[in-house]
């Protein structure tokens, strides 16, 4: 009889789920064999300990007995910690992108028993929210399709398998095609927000690889539009809500197009990429704010993320059960912390408001 099998896991993220009513498997041959034996699809959830929305989905759905019963009856459920198995995460993030998904975490994938995906999603709420369908509705629809429409599911699996094969079989050797890089630069530029920077959309990520492509396109061609797009994005990231102006380091992304409200997770790999980009820019223009942010980010990494002879991969967004609580300031807290020293100037520079600029508190930004 199946049960939750995470009690022997070594991953802190998996151990957080060992008492779920969901019959979780860790990734491995046993889970695939169970799916083959039961002829059930695999529900794959990929997350990590510092992921706020992973915890939300766990509390809403994975801890809910009714949702767990639906999962256990119709799926073989597999939980993966992306920090323990980055190979599995990369594989299915790429598959999600190939299927038109937006990726991110938690990543929710439905696979056939051989591991080929035919559904890609992210966080799914317990109850429908706007255009987001309820998690249980999605599960029911997929379970019905698996049972009643096997031909259509098989067609979807074959199509996705072909897309993944094409993605991984591309020839990455041979002479470099400079024209392809120029075309990529133009396509990236077309997707960028002219006013606030970054890839156009309701959420803003640092998107460092795209910014570096634009920066190098400017250096290669001298075209000012590439420099303008990169500079607008970088300026907003350096002075806006994406950066922690007290402790240093960059948050994972902002939840608005103006870069004012961050998702408060901090990822070591994001900060490492941003350090590289800021260094490239500083080497060419000696940008003073870049230099400050480089020093502050390195200081944060060495001070808060160094563990023995290595670095932690991420820092949780939640503090005392509240998202971002550690980073939010009331006007009274700022008055007490500064004790009259340059208080008025600090409030002006960092946009501190009496009633707060976010949930009654203040996110510091310039």
Protein backbone atom coordinates (compact mmCIF):
# COMPACT_ATOMS: atom_id res chain seq x y z
CA UNK A 1 0.00 0.00 0.00
CA UNK A 2 1.42 3.36 -1.01
CA UNK A 3 2.38 6.01 1.56
CA UNK A 4 4.38 9.20 1.88
CA UNK A 5 7.98 8.04 1.43
CA UNK A 6 9.85 11.25 2.23
CA UNK A 7 10.71 10.41 5.84
CA UNK A 8 14.07 9.02 4.70
CA UNK A 9 14.93 12.01 2.51
CA UNK A 10 18.01 14.14 3.18
CA UNK A 11 16.72 17.28 1.46
CA UNK A 12 15.30 19.88 3.90
CA UNK A 13 12.64 20.76 1.32
CA UNK A 14 11.46 17.18 0.96
CA UNK A 15 11.47 16.71 4.73
CA UNK A 16 9.09 19.66 5.06
CA UNK A 17 6.55 17.50 3.18
CA UNK A 18 7.09 14.18 4.97
CA UNK A 19 3.87 14.56 6.98
CA UNK A 20 1.68 15.57 4.03
CA UNK A 21 -1.28 13.27 3.36
CA UNK A 22 0.02 13.11 -0.22
CA UNK A 23 1.77 9.81 -1.00
CA UNK A 24 4.97 11.48 -2.16
CA UNK A 25 7.85 9.69 -3.84
CA UNK A 26 11.30 11.18 -4.29
CA UNK A 27 12.50 11.22 -7.90
CA UNK A 28 13.83 7.83 -8.97
CA UNK A 29 13.23 4.47 -10.58
CA UNK A 30 10.77 3.43 -7.88
CA UNK A 31 8.36 6.24 -8.75
CA UNK A 32 8.55 5.51 -12.48
CA UNK A 33 7.99 1.81 -11.84
CA UNK A 34 4.96 2.58 -9.66
CA UNK A 35 3.47 4.71 -12.43
CA UNK A 36 3.98 1.87 -14.93
CA UNK A 37 2.48 -0.67 -12.52
CA UNK A 38 -0.62 1.44 -11.82
CA UNK A 39 -0.82 2.92 -15.34
CA UNK A 40 -1.16 6.37 -13.81
CA UNK A 41 0.35 9.70 -14.84
CA UNK A 42 3.05 11.24 -12.67
CA UNK A 43 2.39 14.53 -10.91
CA UNK A 44 5.80 16.18 -10.58
CA UNK A 45 6.21 19.18 -8.28
CA UNK A 46 9.59 20.95 -8.21
CA UNK A 47 10.38 23.58 -5.59
CA UNK A 48 12.90 24.63 -2.96
CA UNK A 49 12.97 25.65 0.68
CA UNK A 50 13.17 29.43 0.21
CA UNK A 51 10.32 29.56 -2.33
CA UNK A 52 7.33 31.46 -0.92
CA UNK A 53 4.77 30.16 -3.44
CA UNK A 54 6.00 26.61 -2.91
CA UNK A 55 5.02 26.95 0.75
CA UNK A 56 1.69 28.53 -0.19
CA UNK A 57 0.80 25.66 -2.52
CA UNK A 58 1.91 23.13 0.10
CA UNK A 59 -0.30 24.71 2.77
CA UNK A 60 -3.30 25.14 0.47
CA UNK A 61 -3.23 21.84 -1.39
CA UNK A 62 -0.62 19.31 -0.29
CA UNK A 63 -1.71 19.51 3.35
CA UNK A 64 -5.40 19.32 2.42
CA UNK A 65 -6.82 15.79 2.86
CA UNK A 66 -9.38 16.11 0.03
CA UNK A 67 -6.82 17.36 -2.47
CA UNK A 68 -4.34 14.73 -1.33
CA UNK A 69 -6.95 11.99 -1.82
CA UNK A 70 -7.53 13.19 -5.39
CA UNK A 71 -3.79 13.20 -6.04
CA UNK A 72 -3.23 9.77 -4.50
CA UNK A 73 -6.09 8.13 -6.40
CA UNK A 74 -5.22 9.44 -9.84
CA UNK A 75 -1.47 10.12 -9.86
CA UNK A 76 1.91 8.91 -8.73
CA UNK A 77 3.16 12.00 -6.90
CA UNK A 78 6.83 12.98 -7.07
CA UNK A 79 8.46 15.87 -5.22
CA UNK A 80 11.84 17.29 -6.27
CA UNK A 81 14.08 19.81 -4.53
CA UNK A 82 15.67 21.86 -7.32
CA UNK A 83 18.68 22.52 -5.08
CA UNK A 84 19.26 18.79 -4.64
CA UNK A 85 18.46 17.82 -8.24
CA UNK A 86 19.23 20.80 -10.51
CA UNK A 87 19.50 18.36 -13.43
CA UNK A 88 15.85 17.31 -13.09
CA UNK A 89 14.80 20.92 -12.61
CA UNK A 90 16.65 22.09 -15.73
CA UNK A 91 15.23 19.27 -17.83
CA UNK A 92 11.61 20.02 -16.94
CA UNK A 93 12.02 23.81 -16.91
CA UNK A 94 13.25 23.50 -20.50
CA UNK A 95 10.35 21.19 -21.29
CA UNK A 96 7.91 23.68 -19.78
CA UNK A 97 9.34 26.46 -21.97
CA UNK A 98 9.10 24.24 -25.06
CA UNK A 99 5.44 23.63 -24.21
CA UNK A 100 4.71 27.35 -23.87
CA UNK A 101 4.78 27.42 -20.07
CA UNK A 102 6.39 30.19 -18.06
CA UNK A 103 8.44 27.97 -15.77
CA UNK A 104 9.50 29.10 -12.33
CA UNK A 105 8.69 27.54 -8.98
CA UNK A 106 6.79 25.67 -7.91
CA UNK A 107 6.87 23.90 -11.25
CA UNK A 108 3.90 21.59 -11.71
CA UNK A 109 4.26 19.01 -14.48
CA UNK A 110 2.16 15.99 -15.45
CA UNK A 111 4.18 13.18 -17.05
CA UNK A 112 3.43 9.85 -18.61
CA UNK A 113 4.91 6.82 -16.77
CA UNK A 114 8.10 7.08 -18.84
CA UNK A 115 8.66 10.66 -17.67
CA UNK A 116 7.56 12.59 -20.78
CA UNK A 117 5.46 15.66 -19.88
CA UNK A 118 2.12 16.56 -21.42
CA UNK A 119 1.03 19.34 -19.04
CA UNK A 120 3.08 22.25 -17.67
CA UNK A 121 2.04 24.70 -14.97
CA UNK A 122 3.41 26.60 -12.00
CA UNK A 123 1.66 27.62 -8.78
CA UNK A 124 -1.97 26.55 -8.94
CA UNK A 125 -4.35 27.90 -6.27
CA UNK A 126 -6.69 25.71 -4.28
CA UNK A 127 -9.62 27.79 -5.54
CA UNK A 128 -9.73 29.50 -8.94
CA UNK A 129 -8.39 33.07 -9.01
CA UNK A 130 -9.14 35.13 -12.10
CA UNK A 131 -7.70 33.23 -15.04
CA UNK A 132 -5.92 30.74 -12.78
CA UNK A 133 -7.87 27.47 -12.57
CA UNK A 134 -8.20 25.66 -9.27
CA UNK A 135 -5.60 22.94 -8.70
CA UNK A 136 -8.27 20.30 -8.09
CA UNK A 137 -10.06 21.26 -11.32
CA UNK A 138 -6.83 20.77 -13.26
CA UNK A 139 -6.22 17.42 -11.57
CA UNK A 140 -9.76 16.21 -12.30
CA UNK A 141 -9.61 17.27 -15.96
CA UNK A 142 -6.26 15.55 -16.49
CA UNK A 143 -7.36 12.38 -14.68
CA UNK A 144 -10.49 12.23 -16.85
CA UNK A 145 -8.48 12.78 -20.04
CA UNK A 146 -6.00 10.06 -19.05
CA UNK A 147 -8.86 7.62 -18.47
CA UNK A 148 -11.26 8.60 -21.28
CA UNK A 149 -9.07 10.11 -24.01
CA UNK A 150 -5.86 8.08 -24.11
CA UNK A 151 -5.38 8.76 -27.81
CA UNK A 152 -5.32 12.53 -27.31
CA UNK A 153 -2.93 12.20 -24.37
CA UNK A 154 -0.65 9.97 -26.46
CA UNK A 155 -0.66 12.54 -29.26
CA UNK A 156 0.31 15.28 -26.79
CA UNK A 157 3.12 13.14 -25.36
CA UNK A 158 4.47 12.41 -28.84
CA UNK A 159 4.39 16.10 -29.78
CA UNK A 160 6.19 17.23 -26.64
CA UNK A 161 8.71 14.40 -26.94
CA UNK A 162 9.55 15.64 -30.43
CA UNK A 163 9.95 19.22 -29.21
CA UNK A 164 12.29 18.15 -26.42
CA UNK A 165 14.31 15.94 -28.77
CA UNK A 166 14.73 18.82 -31.20
CA UNK A 167 15.80 21.12 -28.38
CA UNK A 168 18.49 18.75 -27.10
CA UNK A 169 19.73 17.53 -30.49
CA UNK A 170 20.67 20.92 -31.90
CA UNK A 171 24.25 21.10 -33.12
CA UNK A 172 26.13 23.41 -30.76
CA UNK A 173 29.49 22.89 -32.50
CA UNK A 174 31.01 24.46 -35.58
CA UNK A 175 31.63 28.11 -36.49
CA UNK A 176 29.68 30.76 -34.60
CA UNK A 177 27.03 32.57 -36.61
CA UNK A 178 27.30 36.26 -35.78
CA UNK A 179 24.10 36.94 -37.70
CA UNK A 180 22.17 34.73 -35.29
CA UNK A 181 23.46 36.78 -32.36
CA UNK A 182 22.43 40.02 -34.09
CA UNK A 183 18.95 38.61 -34.71
CA UNK A 184 18.71 37.47 -31.07
CA UNK A 185 19.67 40.97 -29.91
CA UNK A 186 16.94 42.54 -32.02
CA UNK A 187 14.30 40.08 -30.83
CA UNK A 188 15.24 40.66 -27.20
CA UNK A 189 15.10 44.41 -27.76
CA UNK A 190 11.59 44.11 -29.18
CA UNK A 191 10.39 42.46 -25.96
CA UNK A 192 11.82 45.11 -23.63
CA UNK A 193 9.85 47.79 -21.76
CA UNK A 194 10.97 51.19 -23.08
CA UNK A 195 9.84 53.10 -19.97
CA UNK A 196 10.74 50.92 -16.98
CA UNK A 197 13.15 48.42 -18.49
CA UNK A 198 13.22 44.65 -18.43
CA UNK A 199 11.13 42.18 -20.36
CA UNK A 200 7.63 43.63 -20.79
CA UNK A 201 5.08 42.03 -18.48
CA UNK A 202 3.29 42.31 -15.14
CA UNK A 203 6.32 40.88 -13.31
CA UNK A 204 9.93 41.95 -13.78
CA UNK A 205 12.90 39.60 -13.45
CA UNK A 206 16.52 40.68 -13.70
CA UNK A 207 16.89 38.65 -16.94
CA UNK A 208 20.67 39.01 -16.80
CA UNK A 209 21.48 36.90 -19.90
CA UNK A 210 19.19 39.08 -22.04
CA UNK A 211 20.68 42.27 -20.58
CA UNK A 212 24.18 41.03 -21.30
CA UNK A 213 23.20 40.27 -24.91
CA UNK A 214 21.96 43.86 -25.27
CA UNK A 215 25.11 45.26 -23.63
CA UNK A 216 27.42 43.29 -25.89
CA UNK A 217 25.29 44.19 -28.93
CA UNK A 218 25.92 47.85 -28.09
CA UNK A 219 29.66 47.27 -27.71
CA UNK A 220 29.76 45.32 -30.97
CA UNK A 221 27.64 47.64 -33.10
CA UNK A 222 27.69 50.98 -31.31
CA UNK A 223 23.89 51.13 -31.69
CA UNK A 224 22.56 53.43 -28.92
CA UNK A 225 19.18 51.70 -28.65
CA UNK A 226 20.79 48.59 -27.14
CA UNK A 227 22.58 50.71 -24.53
CA UNK A 228 19.38 52.60 -23.74
CA UNK A 229 17.32 49.45 -23.17
CA UNK A 230 19.99 47.88 -20.98
CA UNK A 231 20.60 51.07 -19.00
CA UNK A 232 16.92 51.74 -18.25
CA UNK A 233 16.50 48.21 -16.87
CA UNK A 234 19.73 48.25 -14.86
CA UNK A 235 19.02 51.69 -13.39
CA UNK A 236 15.59 50.57 -12.13
CA UNK A 237 17.10 47.42 -10.63
CA UNK A 238 19.89 49.31 -8.87
CA UNK A 239 17.70 51.95 -7.21
CA UNK A 240 14.25 50.33 -7.02
CA UNK A 241 12.63 47.67 -4.89
CA UNK A 242 14.58 44.78 -6.40
CA UNK A 243 17.62 45.74 -4.32
CA UNK A 244 17.82 45.45 -0.52
CA UNK A 245 19.05 48.94 0.35
CA UNK A 246 19.85 48.01 3.97
CA UNK A 247 21.35 44.53 3.86
CA UNK A 248 22.55 44.40 0.27
CA UNK A 249 21.79 41.84 -2.40
CA UNK A 250 19.01 41.59 -4.95
CA UNK A 251 15.63 39.93 -4.53
CA UNK A 252 14.45 37.38 -7.09
CA UNK A 253 11.96 39.53 -9.00
CA UNK A 254 9.41 42.34 -8.70
CA UNK A 255 5.68 41.78 -8.87
CA UNK A 256 4.98 45.00 -10.79
CA UNK A 257 6.25 46.58 -13.99
CA UNK A 258 7.79 49.59 -12.16
CA UNK A 259 10.22 47.49 -10.05
CA UNK A 260 8.77 48.73 -6.76
CA UNK A 261 7.47 45.60 -4.98
CA UNK A 262 9.79 42.60 -4.78
CA UNK A 263 9.17 38.95 -4.21
CA UNK A 264 11.44 38.80 -1.19
CA UNK A 265 13.42 35.63 -1.89
CA UNK A 266 17.12 36.12 -2.51
CA UNK A 267 18.93 33.64 -4.77
CA UNK A 268 22.70 33.28 -4.77
CA UNK A 269 22.80 32.47 -8.49
CA UNK A 270 20.76 35.58 -9.37
CA UNK A 271 23.14 37.76 -7.38
CA UNK A 272 26.19 36.10 -8.93
CA UNK A 273 24.86 36.84 -12.42
CA UNK A 274 24.08 40.43 -11.48
CA UNK A 275 27.58 40.86 -10.08
CA UNK A 276 28.98 39.76 -13.43
CA UNK A 277 26.77 42.18 -15.36
CA UNK A 278 27.47 45.12 -13.06
CA UNK A 279 31.20 44.44 -13.31
CA UNK A 280 31.03 44.44 -17.13
CA UNK A 281 29.21 47.77 -17.11
CA UNK A 282 31.51 49.30 -14.50
CA UNK A 283 34.62 48.31 -16.46
CA UNK A 284 33.41 50.43 -19.36
CA UNK A 285 31.82 53.47 -17.74
CA UNK A 286 32.95 53.45 -14.08
CA UNK A 287 29.30 53.84 -13.04
CA UNK A 288 29.39 54.88 -9.36
CA UNK A 289 26.07 53.26 -8.42
CA UNK A 290 27.25 50.00 -10.02
CA UNK A 291 30.38 50.12 -7.90
CA UNK A 292 28.31 50.64 -4.75
CA UNK A 293 25.96 47.78 -5.58
CA UNK A 294 28.87 45.46 -6.38
CA UNK A 295 30.42 46.15 -2.98
CA UNK A 296 27.11 45.85 -1.14
CA UNK A 297 26.15 42.62 -2.90
CA UNK A 298 29.53 40.99 -2.27
CA UNK A 299 29.26 42.10 1.35
CA UNK A 300 25.83 40.49 1.68
CA UNK A 301 27.02 37.25 0.08
CA UNK A 302 30.05 36.99 2.36
CA UNK A 303 28.19 38.08 5.49
CA UNK A 304 24.89 36.24 5.21
CA UNK A 305 25.26 33.45 2.65
CA UNK A 306 28.68 31.99 3.47
CA UNK A 307 28.38 28.66 5.28
CA UNK A 308 31.70 27.07 6.25
CA UNK A 309 33.56 26.71 2.94
CA UNK A 310 30.58 27.12 0.63
CA UNK A 311 27.58 29.36 0.00
CA UNK A 312 23.91 28.80 0.72
CA UNK A 313 21.82 28.80 -2.44
CA UNK A 314 18.90 30.94 -1.30
CA UNK A 315 17.39 32.98 1.51
CA UNK A 316 13.73 32.53 2.44
CA UNK A 317 11.31 35.38 1.84
CA UNK A 318 9.24 34.61 4.94
CA UNK A 319 10.03 35.84 8.46
CA UNK A 320 7.90 34.85 11.45
CA UNK A 321 5.30 33.49 9.04
CA UNK A 322 4.97 36.67 6.98
CA UNK A 323 6.35 37.26 3.51
CA UNK A 324 8.95 40.02 3.48
CA UNK A 325 8.42 41.04 7.12
CA UNK A 326 12.17 41.32 7.73
CA UNK A 327 12.55 43.89 4.93
CA UNK A 328 9.56 46.16 5.68
CA UNK A 329 9.84 49.31 7.78
CA UNK A 330 7.34 51.56 9.51
CA UNK A 331 8.17 55.25 9.81
CA UNK A 332 8.45 54.82 13.59
CA UNK A 333 10.98 52.01 13.20
CA UNK A 334 13.11 54.18 10.94
CA UNK A 335 12.90 57.09 13.40
CA UNK A 336 14.03 54.80 16.22
CA UNK A 337 16.84 53.19 14.22
CA UNK A 338 18.35 56.46 13.01
CA UNK A 339 17.70 58.35 16.28
CA UNK A 340 17.47 61.73 14.60
CA UNK A 341 20.54 61.38 12.39
CA UNK A 342 19.65 62.52 8.87
CA UNK A 343 16.13 61.10 9.36
CA UNK A 344 14.35 63.56 7.09
CA UNK A 345 16.88 63.15 4.29
CA UNK A 346 16.77 59.35 4.58
CA UNK A 347 12.97 59.35 4.32
CA UNK A 348 13.09 61.54 1.25
CA UNK A 349 15.80 59.55 -0.51
CA UNK A 350 14.18 56.17 0.20
CA UNK A 351 10.55 57.17 -0.40
CA UNK A 352 9.42 56.52 3.17
CA UNK A 353 5.75 57.38 3.72
CA UNK A 354 3.88 57.84 6.99
CA UNK A 355 1.22 55.30 5.97
CA UNK A 356 3.74 53.12 4.14
CA UNK A 357 4.03 52.27 0.47
CA UNK A 358 3.26 48.55 0.88
CA UNK A 359 0.74 46.99 3.28
CA UNK A 360 1.16 49.83 5.78
CA UNK A 361 4.96 49.48 5.87
CA UNK A 362 7.73 50.77 3.61
CA UNK A 363 9.81 49.01 0.99
CA UNK A 364 12.94 51.14 0.75
CA UNK A 365 13.66 52.36 -2.77
CA UNK A 366 15.10 55.44 -4.43
